[in-house]
Amino acid sequence: MKISFDALLMLDAIDSAGSFAAAARQLHRVPSALTHAVRRLEDDLGFVVFERVGRRARLTPAGRTLLTDGRQLLAAANELECRARRVATGWEVELRIALNALVPFNALLPLIAEFDAQGHGTRLRFDREVLAGSWDALTSGRADLVIGASGEALRDSSLVSRPLGDVELLFCHAPTHPLAALPDPLSLSDIRAHRAIVLADTTRTLQARSAGLVSGQNVLIVPDFGAKLDAQAAGLGVGHLPPFIAREAIAAGTLVSRQTEAGPAREPVHLAWRRDHDGLALQWFIKHLSTPRWRAALQFAPS
């Protein structure tokens, strides 16, 4: 066999980093050694995998096919390793946690430190998901646990979910926005007349959803809450923000929190995991995150 898992990991790093130099830093290797390894692989395979475009490294069509299918092999190998370790010790090699965008990551730092202190050696991987993307991360197998999966719980027998409470959202706009001239509470027709700034749903297989929109409202879609905050503060649109995102901007006067005739916006959130995953690290996080202490730390209001 002319392609190995080490070679696939190398190709993945180069493609993700965008250059040989950046990938070498990521892999703790010198660029010349990485370049030599790729050339040797190309000689063995009999075709070019990467082409240079300035300082960037771009996969050829054949290289893209090799890496796309190779990533599936890497994922399968990682899952095999995790399953074998769970059988042997009960503790996962890696626990993949999807964090809904409504959840502040820094609030989890004490919990991560508490887990690390147990010394079980499970590697934690956190990724951000938005709206239906949280549930999709579970059904597609790219996450083992979701913290703050939003909206109505997905009806899927392969998943288990537990309500955590609600996230209360603030309707905000810039102080220079036209809505600033109107009194509270803002009517839905007034809001509909102005563009909303919304997050892109990260789902890949489920139907994308939206939250906090008025029917017929124009939208500007942005990648994360940081971009949403900036766009609203710049007067480019309006929308709902969680308090941990909006608080400083409101205090600084770059955003204004308003009342609407629809009343306070609340988004239900859940703790959810795959039913077929019974590792001890997963159970540890489920046990701790289900307590009132951690629901309060994550700023979830009772449902």
C-alpha atoms as a PDB file:
ATOM      1  CA  MET A   1       0.000   0.000   0.000  1.00  0.00           C
ATOM      2  CA  LYS A   2       1.475   3.346  -1.073  1.00  0.00           C
ATOM      3  CA  ILE A   3      -0.639   5.595   1.139  1.00  0.00           C
ATOM      4  CA  SER A   4      -0.475   5.482   4.935  1.00  0.00           C
ATOM      5  CA  PHE A   5      -2.430   7.142   7.728  1.00  0.00           C
ATOM      6  CA  ASP A   6       0.614   9.314   8.458  1.00  0.00           C
ATOM      7  CA  ALA A   7       0.608  10.467   4.828  1.00  0.00           C
ATOM      8  CA  LEU A   8      -3.104  11.268   4.981  1.00  0.00           C
ATOM      9  CA  LEU A   9      -2.604  13.252   8.189  1.00  0.00           C
ATOM     10  CA  MET A  10       0.179  15.184   6.447  1.00  0.00           C
ATOM     11  CA  LEU A  11      -1.990  15.956   3.408  1.00  0.00           C
ATOM     12  CA  ASP A  12      -4.866  16.984   5.677  1.00  0.00           C
ATOM     13  CA  ALA A  13      -2.621  19.388   7.602  1.00  0.00           C
ATOM     14  CA  ILE A  14      -1.270  21.001   4.421  1.00  0.00           C
ATOM     15  CA  ASP A  15      -4.732  21.425   2.923  1.00  0.00           C
ATOM     16  CA  SER A  16      -6.184  22.839   6.159  1.00  0.00           C
ATOM     17  CA  ALA A  17      -3.248  25.167   6.832  1.00  0.00           C
ATOM     18  CA  GLY A  18      -3.008  26.293   3.207  1.00  0.00           C
ATOM     19  CA  SER A  19       0.782  26.084   2.898  1.00  0.00           C
ATOM     20  CA  PHE A  20       3.687  23.738   3.565  1.00  0.00           C
ATOM     21  CA  ALA A  21       5.245  26.195   6.034  1.00  0.00           C
ATOM     22  CA  ALA A  22       2.072  26.548   8.112  1.00  0.00           C
ATOM     23  CA  ALA A  23       1.485  22.783   8.085  1.00  0.00           C
ATOM     24  CA  ALA A  24       5.091  22.157   9.140  1.00  0.00           C
ATOM     25  CA  ARG A  25       4.583  24.363  12.201  1.00  0.00           C
ATOM     26  CA  GLN A  26       1.375  22.526  13.026  1.00  0.00           C
ATOM     27  CA  LEU A  27       3.079  19.132  12.679  1.00  0.00           C
ATOM     28  CA  HIS A  28       6.273  20.264  14.451  1.00  0.00           C
ATOM     29  CA  ARG A  29       8.389  19.478  11.389  1.00  0.00           C
ATOM     30  CA  VAL A  30      10.669  21.596   9.248  1.00  0.00           C
ATOM     31  CA  PRO A  31       9.173  22.702   5.889  1.00  0.00           C
ATOM     32  CA  SER A  32      11.914  21.010   3.860  1.00  0.00           C
ATOM     33  CA  ALA A  33      11.155  17.642   5.463  1.00  0.00           C
ATOM     34  CA  LEU A  34       7.450  18.060   4.679  1.00  0.00           C
ATOM     35  CA  THR A  35       8.185  19.042   1.082  1.00  0.00           C
ATOM     36  CA  HIS A  36      10.448  16.011   0.675  1.00  0.00           C
ATOM     37  CA  ALA A  37       7.817  13.689   2.153  1.00  0.00           C
ATOM     38  CA  VAL A  38       5.142  14.968  -0.253  1.00  0.00           C
ATOM     39  CA  ARG A  39       7.457  14.608  -3.269  1.00  0.00           C
ATOM     40  CA  ARG A  40       8.310  11.049  -2.238  1.00  0.00           C
ATOM     41  CA  LEU A  41       4.587  10.258  -1.857  1.00  0.00           C
ATOM     42  CA  GLU A  42       3.867  11.733  -5.305  1.00  0.00           C
ATOM     43  CA  ASP A  43       6.652   9.618  -6.800  1.00  0.00           C
ATOM     44  CA  ASP A  44       5.197   6.501  -5.173  1.00  0.00           C
ATOM     45  CA  LEU A  45       1.663   7.294  -6.343  1.00  0.00           C
ATOM     46  CA  GLY A  46       2.666   8.380  -9.842  1.00  0.00           C
ATOM     47  CA  PHE A  47       0.683  11.633  -9.837  1.00  0.00           C
ATOM     48  CA  VAL A  48       0.932  15.163  -8.429  1.00  0.00           C
ATOM     49  CA  VAL A  49      -1.015  15.781  -5.222  1.00  0.00           C
ATOM     50  CA  PHE A  50      -0.305  19.494  -4.612  1.00  0.00           C
ATOM     51  CA  GLU A  51       0.388  22.397  -6.912  1.00  0.00           C
ATOM     52  CA  ARG A  52       1.969  25.636  -5.745  1.00  0.00           C
ATOM     53  CA  VAL A  53       0.037  28.883  -6.255  1.00  0.00           C
ATOM     54  CA  GLY A  54       2.334  31.605  -4.939  1.00  0.00           C
ATOM     55  CA  ARG A  55       2.969  30.660  -1.335  1.00  0.00           C
ATOM     56  CA  ARG A  56      -0.189  28.583  -1.157  1.00  0.00           C
ATOM     57  CA  ALA A  57      -0.464  24.839  -1.640  1.00  0.00           C
ATOM     58  CA  ARG A  58      -3.538  23.712  -3.553  1.00  0.00           C
ATOM     59  CA  LEU A  59      -4.692  20.135  -4.073  1.00  0.00           C
ATOM     60  CA  THR A  60      -4.894  18.882  -7.637  1.00  0.00           C
ATOM     61  CA  PRO A  61      -8.176  17.166  -8.621  1.00  0.00           C
ATOM     62  CA  ALA A  62      -6.521  13.789  -8.007  1.00  0.00           C
ATOM     63  CA  GLY A  63      -5.159  15.023  -4.676  1.00  0.00           C
ATOM     64  CA  ARG A  64      -8.581  16.292  -3.644  1.00  0.00           C
ATOM     65  CA  THR A  65     -10.136  12.899  -4.375  1.00  0.00           C
ATOM     66  CA  LEU A  66      -7.391  11.177  -2.408  1.00  0.00           C
ATOM     67  CA  LEU A  67      -7.814  13.431   0.632  1.00  0.00           C
ATOM     68  CA  THR A  68     -11.632  13.518   0.592  1.00  0.00           C
ATOM     69  CA  ASP A  69     -11.843   9.737   0.779  1.00  0.00           C
ATOM     70  CA  GLY A  70      -8.778   9.625   3.010  1.00  0.00           C
ATOM     71  CA  ARG A  71     -10.466  11.806   5.609  1.00  0.00           C
ATOM     72  CA  GLN A  72     -13.215   9.219   5.877  1.00  0.00           C
ATOM     73  CA  LEU A  73     -10.532   6.600   6.598  1.00  0.00           C
ATOM     74  CA  LEU A  74      -8.952   8.843   9.233  1.00  0.00           C
ATOM     75  CA  ALA A  75     -12.319   9.394  10.898  1.00  0.00           C
ATOM     76  CA  ALA A  76     -13.020   5.662  10.859  1.00  0.00           C
ATOM     77  CA  ALA A  77      -9.587   4.885  12.321  1.00  0.00           C
ATOM     78  CA  ASN A  78     -10.073   7.454  15.072  1.00  0.00           C
ATOM     79  CA  GLU A  79     -13.495   6.016  15.912  1.00  0.00           C
ATOM     80  CA  LEU A  80     -12.016   2.498  15.970  1.00  0.00           C
ATOM     81  CA  GLU A  81      -9.311   3.637  18.387  1.00  0.00           C
ATOM     82  CA  CYS A  82     -11.911   5.328  20.592  1.00  0.00           C
ATOM     83  CA  ARG A  83     -14.159   2.265  20.645  1.00  0.00           C
ATOM     84  CA  ALA A  84     -11.250  -0.049  21.482  1.00  0.00           C
ATOM     85  CA  ARG A  85     -10.132   2.151  24.365  1.00  0.00           C
ATOM     86  CA  ARG A  86     -13.696   2.421  25.694  1.00  0.00           C
ATOM     87  CA  VAL A  87     -13.899  -1.379  25.723  1.00  0.00           C
ATOM     88  CA  ALA A  88     -10.532  -1.674  27.478  1.00  0.00           C
ATOM     89  CA  THR A  89     -10.831   1.114  30.064  1.00  0.00           C
ATOM     90  CA  GLY A  90     -14.251   2.725  29.745  1.00  0.00           C
ATOM     91  CA  TRP A  91     -12.602   6.127  29.072  1.00  0.00           C
ATOM     92  CA  GLU A  92     -12.640   7.587  25.565  1.00  0.00           C
ATOM     93  CA  VAL A  93      -9.487   8.584  23.676  1.00  0.00           C
ATOM     94  CA  GLU A  94     -11.372  11.705  22.555  1.00  0.00           C
ATOM     95  CA  LEU A  95     -14.708  13.246  23.472  1.00  0.00           C
ATOM     96  CA  ARG A  96     -16.123  15.510  20.755  1.00  0.00           C
ATOM     97  CA  ILE A  97     -18.317  18.234  22.220  1.00  0.00           C
ATOM     98  CA  ALA A  98     -20.400  20.541  20.032  1.00  0.00           C
ATOM     99  CA  LEU A  99     -21.064  23.861  21.719  1.00  0.00           C
ATOM    100  CA  ASN A 100     -24.089  25.814  20.543  1.00  0.00           C
ATOM    101  CA  ALA A 101     -23.303  29.440  19.715  1.00  0.00           C
ATOM    102  CA  LEU A 102     -25.671  30.506  22.527  1.00  0.00           C
ATOM    103  CA  VAL A 103     -23.310  29.023  25.131  1.00  0.00           C
ATOM    104  CA  PRO A 104     -20.293  31.021  26.418  1.00  0.00           C
ATOM    105  CA  PHE A 105     -17.193  28.843  26.142  1.00  0.00           C
ATOM    106  CA  ASN A 106     -15.332  30.665  28.920  1.00  0.00           C
ATOM    107  CA  ALA A 107     -18.020  29.575  31.404  1.00  0.00           C
ATOM    108  CA  LEU A 108     -16.921  25.975  30.772  1.00  0.00           C
ATOM    109  CA  LEU A 109     -13.252  26.552  31.629  1.00  0.00           C
ATOM    110  CA  PRO A 110     -13.627  25.597  35.328  1.00  0.00           C
ATOM    111  CA  LEU A 111     -15.475  22.422  34.308  1.00  0.00           C
ATOM    112  CA  ILE A 112     -12.703  21.492  31.859  1.00  0.00           C
ATOM    113  CA  ALA A 113     -10.094  22.085  34.563  1.00  0.00           C
ATOM    114  CA  GLU A 114     -12.098  19.884  36.952  1.00  0.00           C
ATOM    115  CA  PHE A 115     -12.229  17.125  34.335  1.00  0.00           C
ATOM    116  CA  ASP A 116      -8.496  17.399  33.600  1.00  0.00           C
ATOM    117  CA  ALA A 117      -7.748  17.030  37.307  1.00  0.00           C
ATOM    118  CA  GLN A 118      -9.251  13.510  37.180  1.00  0.00           C
ATOM    119  CA  GLY A 119      -6.270  12.451  35.044  1.00  0.00           C
ATOM    120  CA  HIS A 120      -8.102  10.023  32.763  1.00  0.00           C
ATOM    121  CA  GLY A 121      -6.322  11.306  29.649  1.00  0.00           C
ATOM    122  CA  THR A 122      -9.389  11.755  27.451  1.00  0.00           C
ATOM    123  CA  ARG A 123      -8.736  14.428  24.828  1.00  0.00           C
ATOM    124  CA  LEU A 124     -11.510  17.036  24.576  1.00  0.00           C
ATOM    125  CA  ARG A 125     -12.457  18.586  21.247  1.00  0.00           C
ATOM    126  CA  PHE A 126     -14.886  21.523  21.144  1.00  0.00           C
ATOM    127  CA  ASP A 127     -16.575  22.816  17.988  1.00  0.00           C
ATOM    128  CA  ARG A 128     -19.154  25.569  17.496  1.00  0.00           C
ATOM    129  CA  GLU A 129     -22.570  24.828  16.010  1.00  0.00           C
ATOM    130  CA  VAL A 130     -25.526  27.080  15.190  1.00  0.00           C
ATOM    131  CA  LEU A 131     -29.275  26.310  15.237  1.00  0.00           C
ATOM    132  CA  ALA A 132     -30.023  22.916  13.607  1.00  0.00           C
ATOM    133  CA  GLY A 133     -26.286  22.331  13.247  1.00  0.00           C
ATOM    134  CA  SER A 134     -26.197  21.226  16.894  1.00  0.00           C
ATOM    135  CA  TRP A 135     -28.562  18.323  16.243  1.00  0.00           C
ATOM    136  CA  ASP A 136     -26.936  17.582  12.889  1.00  0.00           C
ATOM    137  CA  ALA A 137     -23.547  17.251  14.626  1.00  0.00           C
ATOM    138  CA  LEU A 138     -24.991  14.329  16.604  1.00  0.00           C
ATOM    139  CA  THR A 139     -26.942  12.588  13.850  1.00  0.00           C
ATOM    140  CA  SER A 140     -23.992  12.808  11.447  1.00  0.00           C
ATOM    141  CA  GLY A 141     -21.579  11.450  14.053  1.00  0.00           C
ATOM    142  CA  ARG A 142     -19.223  14.430  14.202  1.00  0.00           C
ATOM    143  CA  ALA A 143     -20.066  15.073  17.870  1.00  0.00           C
ATOM    144  CA  ASP A 144     -20.668  12.831  20.866  1.00  0.00           C
ATOM    145  CA  LEU A 145     -22.275  15.475  23.060  1.00  0.00           C
ATOM    146  CA  VAL A 146     -23.968  18.818  22.419  1.00  0.00           C
ATOM    147  CA  ILE A 147     -24.214  21.513  25.047  1.00  0.00           C
ATOM    148  CA  GLY A 148     -27.067  23.933  24.414  1.00  0.00           C
ATOM    149  CA  ALA A 149     -28.699  22.321  21.369  1.00  0.00           C
ATOM    150  CA  SER A 150     -31.370  24.908  20.596  1.00  0.00           C
ATOM    151  CA  GLY A 151     -34.998  24.827  19.538  1.00  0.00           C
ATOM    152  CA  GLU A 152     -37.308  21.853  19.777  1.00  0.00           C
ATOM    153  CA  ALA A 153     -35.577  18.558  20.623  1.00  0.00           C
ATOM    154  CA  LEU A 154     -34.994  16.414  17.545  1.00  0.00           C
ATOM    155  CA  ARG A 155     -37.180  13.325  17.361  1.00  0.00           C
ATOM    156  CA  ASP A 156     -34.548  10.671  16.683  1.00  0.00           C
ATOM    157  CA  SER A 157     -34.347   7.335  18.483  1.00  0.00           C
ATOM    158  CA  SER A 158     -30.544   7.353  18.198  1.00  0.00           C
ATOM    159  CA  LEU A 159     -30.310  10.449  20.416  1.00  0.00           C
ATOM    160  CA  VAL A 160     -30.990  11.259  24.059  1.00  0.00           C
ATOM    161  CA  SER A 161     -31.747  14.835  25.109  1.00  0.00           C
ATOM    162  CA  ARG A 162     -32.382  16.614  28.378  1.00  0.00           C
ATOM    163  CA  PRO A 163     -33.786  20.166  28.725  1.00  0.00           C
ATOM    164  CA  LEU A 164     -31.319  22.611  30.278  1.00  0.00           C
ATOM    165  CA  GLY A 165     -33.563  25.686  30.358  1.00  0.00           C
ATOM    166  CA  ASP A 166     -33.875  28.773  28.176  1.00  0.00           C
ATOM    167  CA  VAL A 167     -31.500  31.414  26.889  1.00  0.00           C
ATOM    168  CA  GLU A 168     -33.057  34.873  27.103  1.00  0.00           C
ATOM    169  CA  LEU A 169     -32.172  36.974  24.056  1.00  0.00           C
ATOM    170  CA  LEU A 170     -31.986  40.759  23.772  1.00  0.00           C
ATOM    171  CA  PHE A 171     -33.317  42.604  20.734  1.00  0.00           C
ATOM    172  CA  CYS A 172     -30.625  45.162  19.872  1.00  0.00           C
ATOM    173  CA  HIS A 173     -29.725  47.786  17.299  1.00  0.00           C
ATOM    174  CA  ALA A 174     -27.250  50.628  16.955  1.00  0.00           C
ATOM    175  CA  PRO A 175     -28.185  53.968  18.583  1.00  0.00           C
ATOM    176  CA  THR A 176     -28.050  55.552  15.102  1.00  0.00           C
ATOM    177  CA  HIS A 177     -30.438  53.003  13.563  1.00  0.00           C
ATOM    178  CA  PRO A 178     -33.829  54.330  12.318  1.00  0.00           C
ATOM    179  CA  LEU A 179     -35.637  52.211  14.931  1.00  0.00           C
ATOM    180  CA  ALA A 180     -34.024  54.381  17.620  1.00  0.00           C
ATOM    181  CA  ALA A 181     -36.542  57.121  16.777  1.00  0.00           C
ATOM    182  CA  LEU A 182     -39.502  54.854  17.630  1.00  0.00           C
ATOM    183  CA  PRO A 183     -40.834  54.229  21.168  1.00  0.00           C
ATOM    184  CA  ASP A 184     -40.943  50.889  22.981  1.00  0.00           C
ATOM    185  CA  PRO A 185     -42.369  48.402  22.421  1.00  0.00           C
ATOM    186  CA  LEU A 186     -41.355  48.105  18.765  1.00  0.00           C
ATOM    187  CA  SER A 187     -44.077  46.641  16.565  1.00  0.00           C
ATOM    188  CA  LEU A 188     -43.452  43.654  14.333  1.00  0.00           C
ATOM    189  CA  SER A 189     -44.247  45.753  11.268  1.00  0.00           C
ATOM    190  CA  ASP A 190     -41.614  48.299  12.288  1.00  0.00           C
ATOM    191  CA  ILE A 191     -39.040  45.545  12.769  1.00  0.00           C
ATOM    192  CA  ARG A 192     -39.995  43.850   9.483  1.00  0.00           C
ATOM    193  CA  ALA A 193     -39.102  47.036   7.590  1.00  0.00           C
ATOM    194  CA  HIS A 194     -35.438  46.682   8.570  1.00  0.00           C
ATOM    195  CA  ARG A 195     -32.833  44.069   7.773  1.00  0.00           C
ATOM    196  CA  ALA A 196     -32.015  41.425  10.380  1.00  0.00           C
ATOM    197  CA  ILE A 197     -28.494  40.167  11.052  1.00  0.00           C
ATOM    198  CA  VAL A 198     -28.630  36.379  11.448  1.00  0.00           C
ATOM    199  CA  LEU A 199     -26.184  33.533  11.980  1.00  0.00           C
ATOM    200  CA  ALA A 200     -25.655  30.926   9.281  1.00  0.00           C
ATOM    201  CA  ASP A 201     -27.088  27.574  10.344  1.00  0.00           C
ATOM    202  CA  THR A 202     -24.227  25.035  10.457  1.00  0.00           C
ATOM    203  CA  THR A 203     -26.376  22.013   9.611  1.00  0.00           C
ATOM    204  CA  ARG A 204     -25.129  19.859   6.743  1.00  0.00           C
ATOM    205  CA  THR A 205     -27.916  17.312   6.434  1.00  0.00           C
ATOM    206  CA  LEU A 206     -30.939  18.562   8.390  1.00  0.00           C
ATOM    207  CA  GLN A 207     -33.267  21.347   7.307  1.00  0.00           C
ATOM    208  CA  ALA A 208     -31.794  24.727   8.243  1.00  0.00           C
ATOM    209  CA  ARG A 209     -33.824  26.855  10.613  1.00  0.00           C
ATOM    210  CA  SER A 210     -33.898  30.467  11.740  1.00  0.00           C
ATOM    211  CA  ALA A 211     -34.739  32.137  15.048  1.00  0.00           C
ATOM    212  CA  GLY A 212     -35.992  35.587  16.009  1.00  0.00           C
ATOM    213  CA  LEU A 213     -36.999  36.632  12.492  1.00  0.00           C
ATOM    214  CA  VAL A 214     -40.198  38.425  11.528  1.00  0.00           C
ATOM    215  CA  SER A 215     -41.895  36.848   8.494  1.00  0.00           C
ATOM    216  CA  GLY A 216     -40.806  38.608   5.309  1.00  0.00           C
ATOM    217  CA  GLN A 217     -37.825  40.343   6.923  1.00  0.00           C
ATOM    218  CA  ASN A 218     -34.698  40.859   4.807  1.00  0.00           C
ATOM    219  CA  VAL A 219     -31.534  39.264   6.225  1.00  0.00           C
ATOM    220  CA  LEU A 220     -27.767  39.598   6.234  1.00  0.00           C
ATOM    221  CA  ILE A 221     -26.215  36.213   7.069  1.00  0.00           C
ATOM    222  CA  VAL A 222     -22.974  36.237   9.060  1.00  0.00           C
ATOM    223  CA  PRO A 223     -20.709  33.418  10.338  1.00  0.00           C
ATOM    224  CA  ASP A 224     -20.674  33.971  14.118  1.00  0.00           C
ATOM    225  CA  PHE A 225     -21.872  36.136  16.991  1.00  0.00           C
ATOM    226  CA  GLY A 226     -18.779  38.324  16.806  1.00  0.00           C
ATOM    227  CA  ALA A 227     -19.659  39.285  13.247  1.00  0.00           C
ATOM    228  CA  LYS A 228     -23.328  39.708  14.181  1.00  0.00           C
ATOM    229  CA  LEU A 229     -22.430  42.052  17.032  1.00  0.00           C
ATOM    230  CA  ASP A 230     -20.166  44.129  14.769  1.00  0.00           C
ATOM    231  CA  ALA A 231     -22.769  44.338  11.998  1.00  0.00           C
ATOM    232  CA  GLN A 232     -25.517  45.453  14.375  1.00  0.00           C
ATOM    233  CA  ALA A 233     -23.258  48.000  16.090  1.00  0.00           C
ATOM    234  CA  ALA A 234     -22.390  49.358  12.635  1.00  0.00           C
ATOM    235  CA  GLY A 235     -26.088  49.962  11.967  1.00  0.00           C
ATOM    236  CA  LEU A 236     -26.295  47.357   9.200  1.00  0.00           C
ATOM    237  CA  GLY A 237     -29.282  45.584  10.734  1.00  0.00           C
ATOM    238  CA  VAL A 238     -31.070  44.477  13.882  1.00  0.00           C
ATOM    239  CA  GLY A 239     -31.535  41.255  15.767  1.00  0.00           C
ATOM    240  CA  HIS A 240     -31.378  39.232  18.968  1.00  0.00           C
ATOM    241  CA  LEU A 241     -28.188  38.623  20.913  1.00  0.00           C
ATOM    242  CA  PRO A 242     -27.480  36.593  24.061  1.00  0.00           C
ATOM    243  CA  PRO A 243     -26.604  38.801  27.051  1.00  0.00           C
ATOM    244  CA  PHE A 244     -23.024  37.509  27.313  1.00  0.00           C
ATOM    245  CA  ILE A 245     -22.410  38.806  23.769  1.00  0.00           C
ATOM    246  CA  ALA A 246     -24.333  42.089  23.977  1.00  0.00           C
ATOM    247  CA  ARG A 247     -23.645  43.216  27.548  1.00  0.00           C
ATOM    248  CA  GLU A 248     -20.409  45.167  26.974  1.00  0.00           C
ATOM    249  CA  ALA A 249     -21.673  46.862  23.794  1.00  0.00           C
ATOM    250  CA  ILE A 250     -24.857  47.974  25.575  1.00  0.00           C
ATOM    251  CA  ALA A 251     -22.841  49.333  28.496  1.00  0.00           C
ATOM    252  CA  ALA A 252     -20.533  51.167  26.069  1.00  0.00           C
ATOM    253  CA  GLY A 253     -23.485  52.663  24.200  1.00  0.00           C
ATOM    254  CA  THR A 254     -22.665  51.072  20.847  1.00  0.00           C
ATOM    255  CA  LEU A 255     -25.839  48.963  21.036  1.00  0.00           C
ATOM    256  CA  VAL A 256     -29.299  49.647  22.448  1.00  0.00           C
ATOM    257  CA  SER A 257     -31.507  46.904  23.928  1.00  0.00           C
ATOM    258  CA  ARG A 258     -35.202  47.347  23.071  1.00  0.00           C
ATOM    259  CA  GLN A 259     -38.591  45.937  23.997  1.00  0.00           C
ATOM    260  CA  THR A 260     -40.811  44.504  21.260  1.00  0.00           C
ATOM    261  CA  GLU A 261     -44.529  43.797  21.137  1.00  0.00           C
ATOM    262  CA  ALA A 262     -43.709  40.082  20.848  1.00  0.00           C
ATOM    263  CA  GLY A 263     -42.270  40.189  24.353  1.00  0.00           C
ATOM    264  CA  PRO A 264     -38.992  38.721  25.622  1.00  0.00           C
ATOM    265  CA  ALA A 265     -37.345  36.205  23.285  1.00  0.00           C
ATOM    266  CA  ARG A 266     -36.415  32.873  24.843  1.00  0.00           C
ATOM    267  CA  GLU A 267     -34.702  29.986  23.084  1.00  0.00           C
ATOM    268  CA  PRO A 268     -34.963  26.529  24.729  1.00  0.00           C
ATOM    269  CA  VAL A 269     -31.673  24.651  24.953  1.00  0.00           C
ATOM    270  CA  HIS A 270     -30.833  21.011  25.597  1.00  0.00           C
ATOM    271  CA  LEU A 271     -28.033  18.694  26.580  1.00  0.00           C
ATOM    272  CA  ALA A 272     -27.991  15.929  23.962  1.00  0.00           C
ATOM    273  CA  TRP A 273     -25.860  12.908  23.164  1.00  0.00           C
ATOM    274  CA  ARG A 274     -25.743   9.766  21.062  1.00  0.00           C
ATOM    275  CA  ARG A 275     -27.533   6.793  22.614  1.00  0.00           C
ATOM    276  CA  ASP A 276     -24.878   4.323  21.430  1.00  0.00           C
ATOM    277  CA  HIS A 277     -22.055   6.201  23.188  1.00  0.00           C
ATOM    278  CA  ASP A 278     -21.565   4.965  26.752  1.00  0.00           C
ATOM    279  CA  GLY A 279     -18.043   6.168  27.545  1.00  0.00           C
ATOM    280  CA  LEU A 280     -17.177   7.336  31.050  1.00  0.00           C
ATOM    281  CA  ALA A 281     -16.019  10.799  29.940  1.00  0.00           C
ATOM    282  CA  LEU A 282     -19.387  11.395  28.297  1.00  0.00           C
ATOM    283  CA  GLN A 283     -21.187  10.233  31.440  1.00  0.00           C
ATOM    284  CA  TRP A 284     -18.996  12.522  33.579  1.00  0.00           C
ATOM    285  CA  PHE A 285     -19.968  15.596  31.544  1.00  0.00           C
ATOM    286  CA  ILE A 286     -23.656  14.635  31.449  1.00  0.00           C
ATOM    287  CA  LYS A 287     -23.712  14.229  35.252  1.00  0.00           C
ATOM    288  CA  HIS A 288     -22.045  17.580  35.920  1.00  0.00           C
ATOM    289  CA  LEU A 289     -23.850  19.628  33.268  1.00  0.00           C
ATOM    290  CA  SER A 290     -27.222  18.387  34.516  1.00  0.00           C
ATOM    291  CA  THR A 291     -26.776  20.090  37.898  1.00  0.00           C
ATOM    292  CA  PRO A 292     -28.318  23.491  38.791  1.00  0.00           C
ATOM    293  CA  ARG A 293     -24.800  24.818  39.434  1.00  0.00           C
ATOM    294  CA  TRP A 294     -23.712  24.400  35.831  1.00  0.00           C
ATOM    295  CA  ARG A 295     -27.025  25.434  34.314  1.00  0.00           C
ATOM    296  CA  ALA A 296     -26.644  28.706  36.234  1.00  0.00           C
ATOM    297  CA  ALA A 297     -22.975  29.055  35.230  1.00  0.00           C
ATOM    298  CA  LEU A 298     -23.974  28.751  31.573  1.00  0.00           C
ATOM    299  CA  GLN A 299     -26.655  31.411  32.109  1.00  0.00           C
ATOM    300  CA  PHE A 300     -29.623  29.142  31.329  1.00  0.00           C
ATOM    301  CA  ALA A 301     -32.882  30.397  32.834  1.00  0.00           C
ATOM    302  CA  PRO A 302     -35.426  27.833  34.119  1.00  0.00           C
ATOM    303  CA  SER A 303     -37.917  26.836  31.414  1.00  0.00           C
END
